[in-house]
């Protein structure tokens, strides 16, 4: 039986630092917050590391292969119709190598996160992990790789790690370095700034699935401009803004027209995120200063907090941070099958979790980061453990504990390569409540005829202004 309580500190610190020689280079660090030296950063050039800082080499047992450049364009053997089209599975011919269930969990425990183990135990009759051959598809455009190389020797944490300087247009910290706490925060900042295109538009749904399988779909349209990668910006012109986000509800009719606008700041302690809400009944735009930390999200029936969107976002200041090393875990990866237009929402959504038969899991290297609530601070999660894909810096899973130390919620991102960009990103995110056995899903679009459109053509900054928000909410 796998305990749902948090691991003790003595256990959590016994992490396999198998990649320390390449991932924790500290050469030339003249101070705790300094960037790495040119000598250390040369590992990005000489074939030891990928452009984003992961080891190019595979594992000794060959389960994780050598990185060969990833999937940097639509594969020639798939009929991809361009931006907005659903992505044909380039690995449709793959068969699972084996399946992990509650019955054989113990044999695979070393490569399963605590959250994944808890899901297998909570739903022993239906939840399964189909493990496929590991394929390292992560890739970025050349200019993102070039910016990442520049960032390596100049990016720094500022404001005690709550802010960032010296970085633009690429991963800030491809080579983690400094103290344990600084290393942990660098890994989280790499997620915050991870590459996923410049401008994104999508119409998608979110649901809360009750224990009997019932759900109600909330559809919305979202626009996101990743200012950190804006082709006409640089670090000096970011205006402390990481991205702009606009979302307007389209269905159901009782919620239609409601909208949210966010200007995400780079340093949220110095300047909290700027957020506004539009209520179509009142026809008024209001500031939303509380849209942060553990504020509940109404559309998620309180199964997701404000800082759980994208699995984690916002300020780091309420937690103490600990880097726990690199492990090899089975994680959702190359999830093309679960996001196809030939599926219905009913086929994707099982009673207690996403359809296991449609999920693809692979073994990959993962950075493990632990956040513990500071004394005197308030949050519904007393502890959070983040699992970050080493190849892409995307948070792929989070284990979250309550005040009693019990594992309470488990979040997962169904990662895949958007090969037209290229970028590793989520097909959909799922948030499990182990106590109520309900779950919440974001990013459903299989029945909408089009998936997200990612483009380099960006709207004017005024598009994301509060002055236009009422019109945006009213027309959607």
Protein backbone atom coordinates (compact mmCIF):
# COMPACT_ATOMS: atom_id res chain seq x y z
CA UNK A 1 0.00 0.00 0.00
CA UNK A 2 1.36 3.38 -0.99
CA UNK A 3 0.88 6.07 1.67
CA UNK A 4 -0.90 9.23 0.60
CA UNK A 5 1.03 11.23 3.19
CA UNK A 6 3.92 13.46 2.19
CA UNK A 7 7.35 11.78 2.26
CA UNK A 8 9.48 12.68 5.24
CA UNK A 9 12.39 15.07 4.76
CA UNK A 10 14.82 12.19 5.23
CA UNK A 11 13.18 10.38 2.34
CA UNK A 12 12.64 13.40 0.10
CA UNK A 13 16.30 14.39 0.31
CA UNK A 14 17.49 10.97 -0.77
CA UNK A 15 17.05 11.92 -4.40
CA UNK A 16 19.13 10.43 -7.16
CA UNK A 17 21.33 13.25 -8.42
CA UNK A 18 22.21 11.21 -11.48
CA UNK A 19 22.65 14.28 -13.65
CA UNK A 20 24.48 16.55 -11.25
CA UNK A 21 27.67 16.71 -13.34
CA UNK A 22 25.82 18.22 -16.30
CA UNK A 23 22.75 19.92 -14.86
CA UNK A 24 24.17 21.60 -11.77
CA UNK A 25 27.25 23.23 -13.24
CA UNK A 26 28.47 25.93 -10.92
CA UNK A 27 31.66 26.95 -12.64
CA UNK A 28 32.47 30.60 -12.40
CA UNK A 29 29.61 31.65 -10.12
CA UNK A 30 31.07 34.66 -8.36
CA UNK A 31 28.02 35.21 -6.17
CA UNK A 32 24.83 33.43 -5.23
CA UNK A 33 22.73 35.20 -7.84
CA UNK A 34 25.35 35.43 -10.59
CA UNK A 35 24.92 33.84 -14.00
CA UNK A 36 27.13 30.91 -15.03
CA UNK A 37 30.50 31.43 -16.66
CA UNK A 38 31.24 31.09 -20.36
CA UNK A 39 33.17 27.93 -19.53
CA UNK A 40 30.10 26.36 -17.96
CA UNK A 41 27.76 27.60 -20.68
CA UNK A 42 29.97 25.98 -23.32
CA UNK A 43 28.20 22.70 -22.49
CA UNK A 44 25.31 24.09 -24.55
CA UNK A 45 27.60 24.28 -27.58
CA UNK A 46 29.77 21.18 -27.38
CA UNK A 47 27.10 18.50 -27.64
CA UNK A 48 26.83 17.65 -23.94
CA UNK A 49 23.53 19.46 -23.44
CA UNK A 50 20.48 20.19 -25.56
CA UNK A 51 19.80 23.85 -26.46
CA UNK A 52 17.59 24.10 -23.33
CA UNK A 53 20.11 22.44 -21.02
CA UNK A 54 19.09 18.77 -20.76
CA UNK A 55 21.69 16.02 -21.27
CA UNK A 56 21.82 14.95 -24.91
CA UNK A 57 22.92 11.47 -23.89
CA UNK A 58 20.41 8.78 -23.16
CA UNK A 59 20.37 6.61 -20.05
CA UNK A 60 22.63 3.61 -19.59
CA UNK A 61 19.70 1.22 -19.90
CA UNK A 62 18.62 2.92 -23.17
CA UNK A 63 15.07 3.45 -21.90
CA UNK A 64 15.54 7.19 -22.39
CA UNK A 65 17.22 7.64 -25.78
CA UNK A 66 19.78 10.16 -26.89
CA UNK A 67 18.29 13.50 -27.98
CA UNK A 68 18.64 13.75 -31.75
CA UNK A 69 17.18 17.21 -32.33
CA UNK A 70 13.60 16.48 -31.38
CA UNK A 71 10.57 16.96 -33.58
CA UNK A 72 11.14 20.38 -35.14
CA UNK A 73 8.54 20.31 -37.92
CA UNK A 74 5.50 18.28 -39.00
CA UNK A 75 6.73 14.77 -39.76
CA UNK A 76 6.66 13.94 -43.49
CA UNK A 77 4.58 10.81 -42.94
CA UNK A 78 1.59 12.65 -41.38
CA UNK A 79 -0.99 14.76 -43.18
CA UNK A 80 -0.96 17.90 -41.07
CA UNK A 81 -3.21 20.68 -42.40
CA UNK A 82 -1.54 23.64 -40.71
CA UNK A 83 -2.18 25.91 -37.70
CA UNK A 84 -5.46 25.17 -35.96
CA UNK A 85 -5.63 21.62 -37.31
CA UNK A 86 -5.49 18.72 -34.92
CA UNK A 87 -2.09 17.06 -34.86
CA UNK A 88 -1.91 13.60 -36.43
CA UNK A 89 -0.07 11.23 -34.13
CA UNK A 90 3.44 10.70 -35.55
CA UNK A 91 3.78 7.58 -33.39
CA UNK A 92 0.41 6.00 -34.11
CA UNK A 93 2.08 2.65 -34.77
CA UNK A 94 3.63 2.42 -31.31
CA UNK A 95 2.27 -0.18 -28.91
CA UNK A 96 2.52 0.01 -25.12
CA UNK A 97 5.61 -1.70 -23.75
CA UNK A 98 3.66 -2.60 -20.61
CA UNK A 99 0.80 -1.40 -18.44
CA UNK A 100 1.08 -0.37 -14.80
CA UNK A 101 -1.92 -1.03 -12.57
CA UNK A 102 -2.58 -1.07 -8.84
CA UNK A 103 -1.65 -4.76 -8.83
CA UNK A 104 1.88 -4.35 -10.22
CA UNK A 105 2.49 -0.85 -8.87
CA UNK A 106 5.20 -1.94 -6.44
CA UNK A 107 7.41 -3.24 -9.23
CA UNK A 108 7.42 0.20 -10.89
CA UNK A 109 7.29 2.37 -7.77
CA UNK A 110 10.78 3.82 -8.25
CA UNK A 111 9.65 5.55 -11.47
CA UNK A 112 6.24 6.77 -10.30
CA UNK A 113 5.55 10.08 -8.57
CA UNK A 114 3.67 9.99 -5.29
CA UNK A 115 0.65 11.46 -7.05
CA UNK A 116 0.63 8.84 -9.79
CA UNK A 117 0.89 6.08 -7.20
CA UNK A 118 -2.02 7.58 -5.27
CA UNK A 119 -4.19 7.70 -8.40
CA UNK A 120 -3.46 4.05 -9.12
CA UNK A 121 -4.45 3.13 -5.56
CA UNK A 122 -7.50 5.40 -5.43
CA UNK A 123 -8.96 3.97 -8.66
CA UNK A 124 -7.59 0.40 -8.75
CA UNK A 125 -10.28 -0.90 -11.09
CA UNK A 126 -9.95 1.70 -13.83
CA UNK A 127 -6.79 3.83 -13.65
CA UNK A 128 -3.88 2.43 -15.65
CA UNK A 129 -0.56 3.72 -16.95
CA UNK A 130 0.18 2.58 -20.49
CA UNK A 131 3.94 2.97 -20.91
CA UNK A 132 5.21 3.55 -24.45
CA UNK A 133 8.74 3.82 -25.84
CA UNK A 134 10.29 7.10 -24.75
CA UNK A 135 10.64 9.63 -27.56
CA UNK A 136 12.48 12.86 -26.92
CA UNK A 137 10.52 15.15 -29.22
CA UNK A 138 11.30 18.47 -27.47
CA UNK A 139 12.54 21.16 -29.85
CA UNK A 140 12.55 24.95 -30.16
CA UNK A 141 13.21 27.35 -33.05
CA UNK A 142 16.83 28.28 -33.63
CA UNK A 143 16.31 31.85 -32.42
CA UNK A 144 14.92 30.62 -29.09
CA UNK A 145 17.97 28.36 -28.72
CA UNK A 146 20.26 31.32 -29.50
CA UNK A 147 18.55 33.51 -26.92
CA UNK A 148 18.77 30.71 -24.37
CA UNK A 149 22.53 30.53 -24.92
CA UNK A 150 22.79 34.29 -24.30
CA UNK A 151 20.59 34.07 -21.22
CA UNK A 152 22.81 31.38 -19.69
CA UNK A 153 25.59 33.82 -18.88
CA UNK A 154 23.52 36.86 -17.94
CA UNK A 155 20.16 35.83 -16.44
CA UNK A 156 19.82 36.40 -12.71
CA UNK A 157 17.22 36.05 -10.01
CA UNK A 158 16.37 39.35 -8.35
CA UNK A 159 14.24 40.37 -5.37
CA UNK A 160 15.15 37.18 -3.47
CA UNK A 161 14.15 35.06 -6.43
CA UNK A 162 10.75 36.65 -6.95
CA UNK A 163 11.91 38.47 -10.07
CA UNK A 164 14.09 37.95 -13.10
CA UNK A 165 16.63 40.06 -14.97
CA UNK A 166 19.07 39.60 -17.83
CA UNK A 167 16.82 37.28 -19.83
CA UNK A 168 14.59 37.53 -22.87
CA UNK A 169 13.23 35.27 -25.60
CA UNK A 170 14.55 31.96 -24.30
CA UNK A 171 15.01 29.79 -21.23
CA UNK A 172 16.63 31.98 -18.55
CA UNK A 173 18.53 29.24 -16.69
CA UNK A 174 19.36 26.30 -18.99
CA UNK A 175 22.13 25.40 -16.52
CA UNK A 176 20.88 25.45 -12.95
CA UNK A 177 23.35 26.83 -10.43
CA UNK A 178 23.74 28.55 -7.08
CA UNK A 179 22.30 27.56 -3.73
CA UNK A 180 19.66 24.86 -3.40
CA UNK A 181 16.88 27.44 -3.01
CA UNK A 182 18.08 29.48 -5.97
CA UNK A 183 18.30 26.36 -8.11
CA UNK A 184 14.72 25.47 -7.22
CA UNK A 185 13.46 28.94 -8.11
CA UNK A 186 15.42 28.92 -11.38
CA UNK A 187 13.67 25.70 -12.39
CA UNK A 188 10.27 27.27 -11.66
CA UNK A 189 11.18 30.42 -13.59
CA UNK A 190 12.16 28.22 -16.53
CA UNK A 191 8.60 26.90 -16.48
CA UNK A 192 7.09 30.38 -16.22
CA UNK A 193 9.05 31.54 -19.27
CA UNK A 194 8.98 28.27 -21.22
CA UNK A 195 8.57 28.53 -24.97
CA UNK A 196 5.07 27.86 -26.34
CA UNK A 197 4.86 30.27 -29.25
CA UNK A 198 4.25 34.01 -29.41
CA UNK A 199 0.51 34.48 -29.84
CA UNK A 200 -2.12 31.82 -29.15
CA UNK A 201 -5.84 31.75 -29.83
CA UNK A 202 -8.06 28.87 -28.92
CA UNK A 203 -11.66 27.96 -28.18
CA UNK A 204 -11.77 25.26 -25.55
CA UNK A 205 -13.85 23.88 -22.74
CA UNK A 206 -13.40 23.05 -19.10
CA UNK A 207 -15.43 20.64 -17.01
CA UNK A 208 -15.78 19.32 -13.50
CA UNK A 209 -16.55 15.61 -13.59
CA UNK A 210 -18.56 14.26 -10.67
CA UNK A 211 -18.16 10.74 -9.33
CA UNK A 212 -21.08 9.52 -11.43
CA UNK A 213 -19.47 10.89 -14.61
CA UNK A 214 -21.80 13.86 -14.96
CA UNK A 215 -20.34 17.16 -16.16
CA UNK A 216 -21.31 20.52 -17.60
CA UNK A 217 -19.15 22.14 -20.25
CA UNK A 218 -18.00 25.75 -19.96
CA UNK A 219 -16.67 26.99 -23.30
CA UNK A 220 -14.48 30.04 -23.67
CA UNK A 221 -12.13 31.68 -26.15
CA UNK A 222 -8.67 32.65 -25.01
CA UNK A 223 -6.00 34.89 -26.49
CA UNK A 224 -2.49 34.90 -25.05
CA UNK A 225 0.42 37.11 -26.12
CA UNK A 226 3.72 35.90 -24.67
CA UNK A 227 5.40 39.26 -24.29
CA UNK A 228 8.63 37.58 -23.15
CA UNK A 229 9.00 36.27 -26.73
CA UNK A 230 7.53 39.27 -28.56
CA UNK A 231 9.50 39.74 -31.82
CA UNK A 232 9.49 43.53 -31.47
CA UNK A 233 10.50 43.63 -27.80
CA UNK A 234 13.63 43.15 -25.76
CA UNK A 235 14.30 42.93 -22.04
CA UNK A 236 14.25 46.70 -21.63
CA UNK A 237 10.82 47.07 -23.26
CA UNK A 238 9.02 44.27 -21.41
CA UNK A 239 7.47 46.74 -18.96
CA UNK A 240 7.64 44.04 -16.27
CA UNK A 241 5.08 42.02 -18.25
CA UNK A 242 5.55 38.33 -18.96
CA UNK A 243 2.35 37.80 -20.95
CA UNK A 244 -1.12 39.19 -21.72
CA UNK A 245 -4.17 36.95 -21.35
CA UNK A 246 -7.78 37.53 -22.36
CA UNK A 247 -10.53 34.95 -21.88
CA UNK A 248 -14.25 35.33 -22.61
CA UNK A 249 -16.93 32.75 -21.81
CA UNK A 250 -19.16 31.66 -24.70
CA UNK A 251 -21.24 28.88 -23.14
CA UNK A 252 -23.43 28.23 -21.20
CA UNK A 253 -25.71 31.19 -21.80
CA UNK A 254 -25.93 32.12 -18.11
CA UNK A 255 -22.17 32.80 -18.10
CA UNK A 256 -21.71 33.98 -21.69
CA UNK A 257 -19.97 37.31 -22.09
CA UNK A 258 -18.06 37.17 -18.82
CA UNK A 259 -14.41 37.93 -19.40
CA UNK A 260 -11.07 38.04 -17.61
CA UNK A 261 -8.03 40.10 -18.60
CA UNK A 262 -4.58 39.55 -17.08
CA UNK A 263 -1.27 41.34 -17.48
CA UNK A 264 1.15 38.88 -15.85
CA UNK A 265 4.07 40.68 -14.23
CA UNK A 266 7.61 39.35 -14.10
CA UNK A 267 8.05 40.41 -10.47
CA UNK A 268 4.72 39.93 -8.70
CA UNK A 269 6.00 40.94 -5.27
CA UNK A 270 7.14 44.31 -6.57
CA UNK A 271 4.03 44.66 -8.72
CA UNK A 272 1.17 42.15 -8.37
CA UNK A 273 -0.42 40.89 -11.56
CA UNK A 274 -2.83 43.33 -13.13
CA UNK A 275 -6.21 41.66 -13.55
CA UNK A 276 -9.70 42.78 -14.54
CA UNK A 277 -13.07 41.08 -14.80
CA UNK A 278 -16.08 41.92 -16.96
CA UNK A 279 -19.59 41.10 -15.76
CA UNK A 280 -22.06 41.21 -18.67
CA UNK A 281 -25.02 41.64 -16.31
CA UNK A 282 -23.52 44.77 -14.81
CA UNK A 283 -21.79 45.76 -18.06
CA UNK A 284 -18.84 46.91 -16.04
CA UNK A 285 -15.12 46.20 -15.98
CA UNK A 286 -13.69 45.89 -12.48
CA UNK A 287 -10.21 45.30 -11.14
CA UNK A 288 -9.67 41.78 -9.79
CA UNK A 289 -6.83 42.17 -7.30
CA UNK A 290 -7.54 38.84 -5.60
CA UNK A 291 -7.04 36.69 -8.69
CA UNK A 292 -3.87 35.13 -7.28
CA UNK A 293 -2.49 32.50 -4.92
CA UNK A 294 -5.28 30.20 -3.65
CA UNK A 295 -8.26 32.21 -4.82
CA UNK A 296 -10.81 29.63 -6.03
CA UNK A 297 -11.78 29.48 -9.70
CA UNK A 298 -15.57 29.41 -9.99
CA UNK A 299 -15.69 27.51 -13.30
CA UNK A 300 -13.65 24.76 -11.66
CA UNK A 301 -16.07 24.40 -8.71
CA UNK A 302 -13.11 25.22 -6.45
CA UNK A 303 -11.09 22.26 -7.73
CA UNK A 304 -8.46 24.65 -9.08
CA UNK A 305 -6.90 27.68 -7.45
CA UNK A 306 -5.75 30.77 -9.33
CA UNK A 307 -2.10 29.74 -9.06
CA UNK A 308 -2.76 26.22 -10.36
CA UNK A 309 -3.56 27.39 -13.88
CA UNK A 310 -0.76 26.12 -16.16
CA UNK A 311 -0.09 23.82 -13.15
CA UNK A 312 1.64 26.73 -11.42
CA UNK A 313 1.84 30.48 -11.92
CA UNK A 314 2.32 33.66 -9.95
CA UNK A 315 4.47 34.75 -7.04
CA UNK A 316 6.84 32.39 -5.23
CA UNK A 317 6.98 34.37 -1.99
CA UNK A 318 4.65 32.31 0.24
CA UNK A 319 6.79 29.18 0.09
CA UNK A 320 10.28 27.99 0.97
CA UNK A 321 11.83 26.28 -2.05
CA UNK A 322 13.98 23.17 -2.23
CA UNK A 323 15.57 21.59 -5.29
CA UNK A 324 15.42 17.81 -4.90
CA UNK A 325 17.36 16.72 -7.95
CA UNK A 326 16.64 14.84 -11.15
CA UNK A 327 14.70 11.61 -11.31
CA UNK A 328 13.41 9.36 -14.06
CA UNK A 329 9.62 9.17 -13.94
CA UNK A 330 6.80 7.92 -16.10
CA UNK A 331 4.99 11.08 -17.19
CA UNK A 332 2.30 11.92 -19.77
CA UNK A 333 4.21 12.63 -22.98
CA UNK A 334 3.51 12.79 -26.71
CA UNK A 335 -0.22 12.73 -25.98
CA UNK A 336 -1.64 13.02 -29.49
CA UNK A 337 -4.30 10.32 -29.35
CA UNK A 338 -6.27 11.96 -26.53
CA UNK A 339 -6.60 15.21 -28.51
CA UNK A 340 -8.10 14.21 -31.85
CA UNK A 341 -11.18 15.48 -33.66
CA UNK A 342 -12.60 11.95 -34.01
CA UNK A 343 -13.19 11.81 -30.24
CA UNK A 344 -16.13 13.05 -28.21
CA UNK A 345 -15.88 14.53 -24.76
CA UNK A 346 -17.74 11.51 -23.40
CA UNK A 347 -15.02 9.25 -24.78
CA UNK A 348 -12.24 11.28 -23.19
CA UNK A 349 -13.88 11.77 -19.76
CA UNK A 350 -14.26 8.68 -17.59
CA UNK A 351 -16.01 8.81 -14.22
CA UNK A 352 -12.94 9.47 -12.06
CA UNK A 353 -10.19 10.37 -14.50
CA UNK A 354 -9.33 10.80 -18.15
CA UNK A 355 -9.69 7.68 -20.28
CA UNK A 356 -6.56 5.64 -19.54
CA UNK A 357 -6.64 3.97 -22.96
CA UNK A 358 -6.17 7.35 -24.67
CA UNK A 359 -3.18 8.45 -22.57
CA UNK A 360 0.45 7.90 -23.49
CA UNK A 361 3.09 7.72 -20.74
CA UNK A 362 6.85 7.58 -21.20
CA UNK A 363 9.87 7.58 -18.93
CA UNK A 364 11.69 10.92 -18.96
CA UNK A 365 14.13 12.89 -16.85
CA UNK A 366 12.33 15.21 -14.46
CA UNK A 367 13.49 17.99 -12.14
CA UNK A 368 11.85 17.64 -8.74
CA UNK A 369 11.16 20.82 -6.74
CA UNK A 370 9.49 21.04 -3.35
CA UNK A 371 7.70 24.10 -1.96
CA UNK A 372 6.82 24.29 1.75
CA UNK A 373 4.50 26.97 3.09
CA UNK A 374 6.36 29.55 5.16
CA UNK A 375 5.47 30.09 8.80
CA UNK A 376 2.83 32.79 9.07
CA UNK A 377 1.77 32.55 5.41
CA UNK A 378 -1.62 31.31 4.23
CA UNK A 379 -2.44 28.91 1.40
CA UNK A 380 -4.70 25.86 1.15
CA UNK A 381 -1.65 23.79 0.15
CA UNK A 382 0.94 23.37 2.88
CA UNK A 383 3.33 21.61 0.54
CA UNK A 384 3.67 21.20 -3.21
CA UNK A 385 6.01 18.97 -5.18
CA UNK A 386 6.59 19.96 -8.80
CA UNK A 387 7.82 17.62 -11.51
CA UNK A 388 9.37 19.51 -14.43
CA UNK A 389 10.22 17.89 -17.77
CA UNK A 390 13.98 18.30 -18.20
CA UNK A 391 13.78 18.56 -22.00
CA UNK A 392 11.20 21.39 -22.14
CA UNK A 393 11.02 22.92 -18.62
CA UNK A 394 7.26 22.35 -18.56
CA UNK A 395 5.72 21.37 -15.24
CA UNK A 396 4.10 18.05 -16.07
CA UNK A 397 2.71 17.07 -12.66
CA UNK A 398 2.19 18.49 -9.17
CA UNK A 399 1.47 16.75 -5.85
CA UNK A 400 -0.27 19.04 -3.34
CA UNK A 401 -0.73 18.40 0.37
CA UNK A 402 -3.19 19.74 2.95
CA UNK A 403 -2.44 21.05 6.43
CA UNK A 404 -2.56 17.52 7.88
CA UNK A 405 0.18 16.37 5.54
CA UNK A 406 -2.11 14.21 3.38
CA UNK A 407 -1.75 14.14 -0.38
CA UNK A 408 -4.89 16.00 -1.42
CA UNK A 409 -4.70 17.00 -5.08
CA UNK A 410 -2.75 15.79 -8.09
CA UNK A 411 -2.39 17.87 -11.25
CA UNK A 412 -1.17 16.59 -14.62
CA UNK A 413 -0.41 18.07 -18.03
CA UNK A 414 -0.95 15.88 -21.09
CA UNK A 415 2.21 17.03 -22.88
CA UNK A 416 2.82 16.77 -26.61
CA UNK A 417 4.92 18.49 -29.26
CA UNK A 418 3.11 21.14 -31.28
CA UNK A 419 5.43 20.38 -34.14
CA UNK A 420 4.38 23.29 -36.33
CA UNK A 421 5.86 25.71 -33.74
CA UNK A 422 7.79 23.60 -32.49
CA UNK A 423 7.10 23.53 -28.75
CA UNK A 424 6.26 21.06 -26.03
CA UNK A 425 2.99 22.13 -24.44
CA UNK A 426 -0.10 20.60 -22.94
CA UNK A 427 -2.98 19.12 -24.90
CA UNK A 428 -5.10 19.48 -21.74
CA UNK A 429 -4.60 19.78 -17.98
CA UNK A 430 -6.34 17.67 -15.37
CA UNK A 431 -6.73 18.38 -11.64
CA UNK A 432 -7.64 15.47 -9.34
CA UNK A 433 -9.13 15.80 -5.85
CA UNK A 434 -8.30 12.52 -4.10
CA UNK A 435 -10.67 13.22 -1.21
CA UNK A 436 -13.87 13.94 -3.13
CA UNK A 437 -12.78 11.77 -6.10
CA UNK A 438 -13.88 14.48 -8.53
CA UNK A 439 -11.67 16.00 -11.19
CA UNK A 440 -11.43 19.08 -13.36
CA UNK A 441 -10.15 19.35 -16.94
CA UNK A 442 -9.03 22.38 -18.95
CA UNK A 443 -8.37 22.46 -22.68
CA UNK A 444 -11.09 20.29 -24.20
CA UNK A 445 -11.53 21.11 -27.89
CA UNK A 446 -11.99 17.79 -29.71
CA UNK A 447 -15.58 18.60 -30.70
CA UNK A 448 -14.85 22.21 -31.71
CA UNK A 449 -13.46 21.56 -35.20
CA UNK A 450 -10.21 23.38 -34.47
CA UNK A 451 -7.50 23.29 -31.85
CA UNK A 452 -5.38 26.20 -30.68
CA UNK A 453 -3.81 28.43 -33.31
CA UNK A 454 -0.23 29.48 -32.57
CA UNK A 455 1.18 32.26 -34.71
CA UNK A 456 3.92 34.89 -34.87
CA UNK A 457 1.39 37.53 -35.94
CA UNK A 458 0.55 39.49 -32.81
CA UNK A 459 -2.23 41.99 -32.14
CA UNK A 460 -1.58 45.51 -30.98
CA UNK A 461 -0.97 45.84 -27.25
CA UNK A 462 -4.22 47.82 -27.00
CA UNK A 463 -6.03 44.58 -27.79
CA UNK A 464 -5.29 43.57 -24.19
CA UNK A 465 -6.39 46.82 -22.57
CA UNK A 466 -9.25 47.15 -20.04
CA UNK A 467 -10.80 49.77 -22.33
CA UNK A 468 -11.57 47.12 -24.95
CA UNK A 469 -12.56 44.40 -22.51
CA UNK A 470 -16.27 45.13 -22.45
CA UNK A 471 -16.46 44.90 -26.23
CA UNK A 472 -14.41 41.69 -26.24
CA UNK A 473 -16.65 40.07 -23.64
CA UNK A 474 -19.86 41.18 -25.31
CA UNK A 475 -19.02 39.82 -28.74
CA UNK A 476 -17.99 36.34 -27.68
